[in-house]
Amino acid sequence: MQTVVIVIHLMIVATLIGAVLLQKSEGGGLGVGGGAGFMSSRGTANLLTRTTGFLAVGFFITSLLLSWLASYDRKPSSIIDANPASQSQPAGPATPISPPTSGGILDSLKKADEQQKQSAPSGPQAPRSQ
């Protein structure tokens, strides 16, 4: 059902955009408002105005229908009535976690960095002749 309404909605939107673009520009902002074209009669202007109005009403109706369809299956929930997450206590006495004796990943990276600094020369060296 929702897919059908979306397709109808998109068809109305495309037609509405076309109807608005076909209308004569009052201010001539785009430079296409004047001149005698195939859309220059007064009856055509009234037809486009009415068509735009009907399409706008259809746009609003399909928009409201889509929002109603989207919220149709949603069930309201309250934050107050929600059960808090159960916090279970450990079964035995709490034992503190001892730090690892071999060191963590950061310690091993630090040691590797120190070894690299010791093996690398401290600065640029002049070439030695043999």
Protein backbone atom coordinates (compact mmCIF):
# COMPACT_ATOMS: atom_id res chain seq x y z
CA MET A 1 0.00 0.00 0.00
CA GLN A 2 2.74 2.41 0.96
CA THR A 3 4.66 1.75 -2.27
CA VAL A 4 1.60 2.57 -4.35
CA VAL A 5 1.10 5.86 -2.49
CA ILE A 6 4.78 6.73 -2.92
CA VAL A 7 4.58 6.13 -6.68
CA ILE A 8 1.42 8.29 -6.94
CA HIS A 9 3.10 10.94 -4.80
CA LEU A 10 6.16 11.04 -7.06
CA MET A 11 3.99 11.28 -10.18
CA ILE A 12 2.10 14.23 -8.64
CA VAL A 13 5.39 15.91 -7.70
CA ALA A 14 6.83 15.56 -11.22
CA THR A 15 3.61 16.88 -12.80
CA LEU A 16 3.45 19.74 -10.31
CA ILE A 17 6.99 20.79 -11.13
CA GLY A 18 6.18 20.72 -14.85
CA ALA A 19 2.98 22.75 -14.36
CA VAL A 20 4.80 25.39 -12.35
CA LEU A 21 7.58 25.67 -14.91
CA LEU A 22 5.10 26.05 -17.79
CA GLN A 23 3.36 29.04 -16.22
CA LYS A 24 4.11 32.53 -17.44
CA SER A 25 6.54 34.44 -15.30
CA GLU A 26 5.05 37.65 -13.92
CA GLY A 27 8.32 39.39 -13.17
CA GLY A 28 10.30 38.00 -16.06
CA GLY A 29 13.01 36.82 -13.68
CA LEU A 30 14.19 34.06 -15.99
CA GLY A 31 13.73 36.07 -19.15
CA VAL A 32 11.20 33.67 -20.64
CA GLY A 33 8.04 35.37 -19.43
CA GLY A 34 7.41 37.64 -22.40
CA GLY A 35 6.77 37.00 -26.05
CA ALA A 36 4.09 35.14 -27.92
CA GLY A 37 4.43 31.42 -27.46
CA PHE A 38 2.07 28.49 -27.52
CA MET A 39 1.09 29.24 -23.90
CA SER A 40 0.14 32.90 -24.33
CA SER A 41 -3.64 32.85 -24.12
CA ARG A 42 -5.57 33.71 -20.99
CA GLY A 43 -7.48 30.43 -20.95
CA THR A 44 -4.29 28.44 -20.84
CA ALA A 45 -3.12 30.48 -17.85
CA ASN A 46 -6.36 29.69 -16.00
CA LEU A 47 -5.99 26.00 -16.88
CA LEU A 48 -2.42 25.90 -15.56
CA THR A 49 -3.43 27.76 -12.40
CA ARG A 50 -6.25 25.31 -11.70
CA THR A 51 -4.03 22.34 -12.53
CA THR A 52 -1.38 23.62 -10.13
CA GLY A 53 -3.99 24.01 -7.40
CA PHE A 54 -5.35 20.48 -7.86
CA LEU A 55 -1.86 19.04 -7.94
CA ALA A 56 -0.94 20.94 -4.77
CA VAL A 57 -3.99 19.52 -2.99
CA GLY A 58 -3.05 16.04 -4.20
CA PHE A 59 0.51 16.59 -2.98
CA PHE A 60 -0.69 17.52 0.51
CA ILE A 61 -3.15 14.61 0.68
CA THR A 62 -0.54 12.05 -0.36
CA SER A 63 1.98 13.58 2.06
CA LEU A 64 -0.48 13.26 4.94
CA LEU A 65 -1.38 9.72 3.86
CA LEU A 66 2.28 8.71 3.75
CA SER A 67 2.93 10.12 7.22
CA TRP A 68 -0.13 8.29 8.54
CA LEU A 69 0.98 5.03 6.94
CA ALA A 70 4.47 5.41 8.39
CA SER A 71 3.12 5.83 11.92
CA TYR A 72 0.36 3.20 11.60
CA ASP A 73 2.41 0.25 12.89
CA ARG A 74 4.39 2.22 15.43
CA LYS A 75 3.29 1.60 18.98
CA PRO A 76 3.63 4.43 21.49
CA SER A 77 5.97 3.78 24.37
CA SER A 78 6.66 5.65 27.54
CA ILE A 79 10.05 6.20 29.07
CA ILE A 80 8.59 6.20 32.55
CA ASP A 81 6.95 2.78 32.31
CA ALA A 82 9.98 1.08 30.80
CA ASN A 83 11.73 -1.47 33.00
CA PRO A 84 15.25 -0.40 33.85
CA ALA A 85 18.02 -2.67 32.68
CA SER A 86 18.64 -5.29 35.31
CA GLN A 87 21.96 -4.88 36.99
CA SER A 88 23.04 -8.23 38.33
CA GLN A 89 25.63 -8.54 41.07
CA PRO A 90 28.46 -11.04 40.68
CA ALA A 91 27.81 -14.36 42.37
CA GLY A 92 31.09 -14.56 44.27
CA PRO A 93 33.20 -12.00 46.05
CA ALA A 94 34.59 -9.36 43.77
CA THR A 95 38.23 -9.98 42.94
CA PRO A 96 40.25 -7.04 41.76
CA ILE A 97 41.72 -7.36 38.32
CA SER A 98 45.47 -7.45 38.57
CA PRO A 99 47.51 -5.72 35.88
CA PRO A 100 49.21 -8.08 33.47
CA THR A 101 52.76 -8.96 34.46
CA SER A 102 54.13 -9.05 30.92
CA GLY A 103 52.76 -5.62 30.11
CA GLY A 104 50.04 -4.57 27.75
CA ILE A 105 50.14 -3.69 24.09
CA LEU A 106 51.12 -0.11 24.87
CA ASP A 107 54.09 -1.26 26.93
CA SER A 108 55.30 -3.56 24.17
CA LEU A 109 54.96 -0.75 21.60
CA LYS A 110 56.89 1.59 23.87
CA LYS A 111 59.69 -0.96 24.27
CA ALA A 112 59.85 -1.50 20.51
CA ASP A 113 60.03 2.26 19.95
CA GLU A 114 62.86 2.61 22.48
CA GLN A 115 64.82 -0.22 20.85
CA GLN A 116 64.39 1.40 17.45
CA LYS A 117 65.63 4.74 18.77
CA GLN A 118 68.70 3.13 20.29
CA SER A 119 69.67 1.28 17.13
CA ALA A 120 69.09 4.25 14.82
CA PRO A 121 71.73 7.00 14.57
CA SER A 122 70.93 10.15 16.46
CA GLY A 123 71.34 12.45 13.48
CA PRO A 124 72.59 12.69 9.92
CA GLN A 125 76.05 11.21 9.56
CA ALA A 126 78.78 12.37 7.21
CA PRO A 127 79.90 9.74 4.70
CA ARG A 128 83.10 8.00 5.73
CA SER A 129 85.89 7.40 3.31
CA GLN A 130 87.58 4.00 3.23
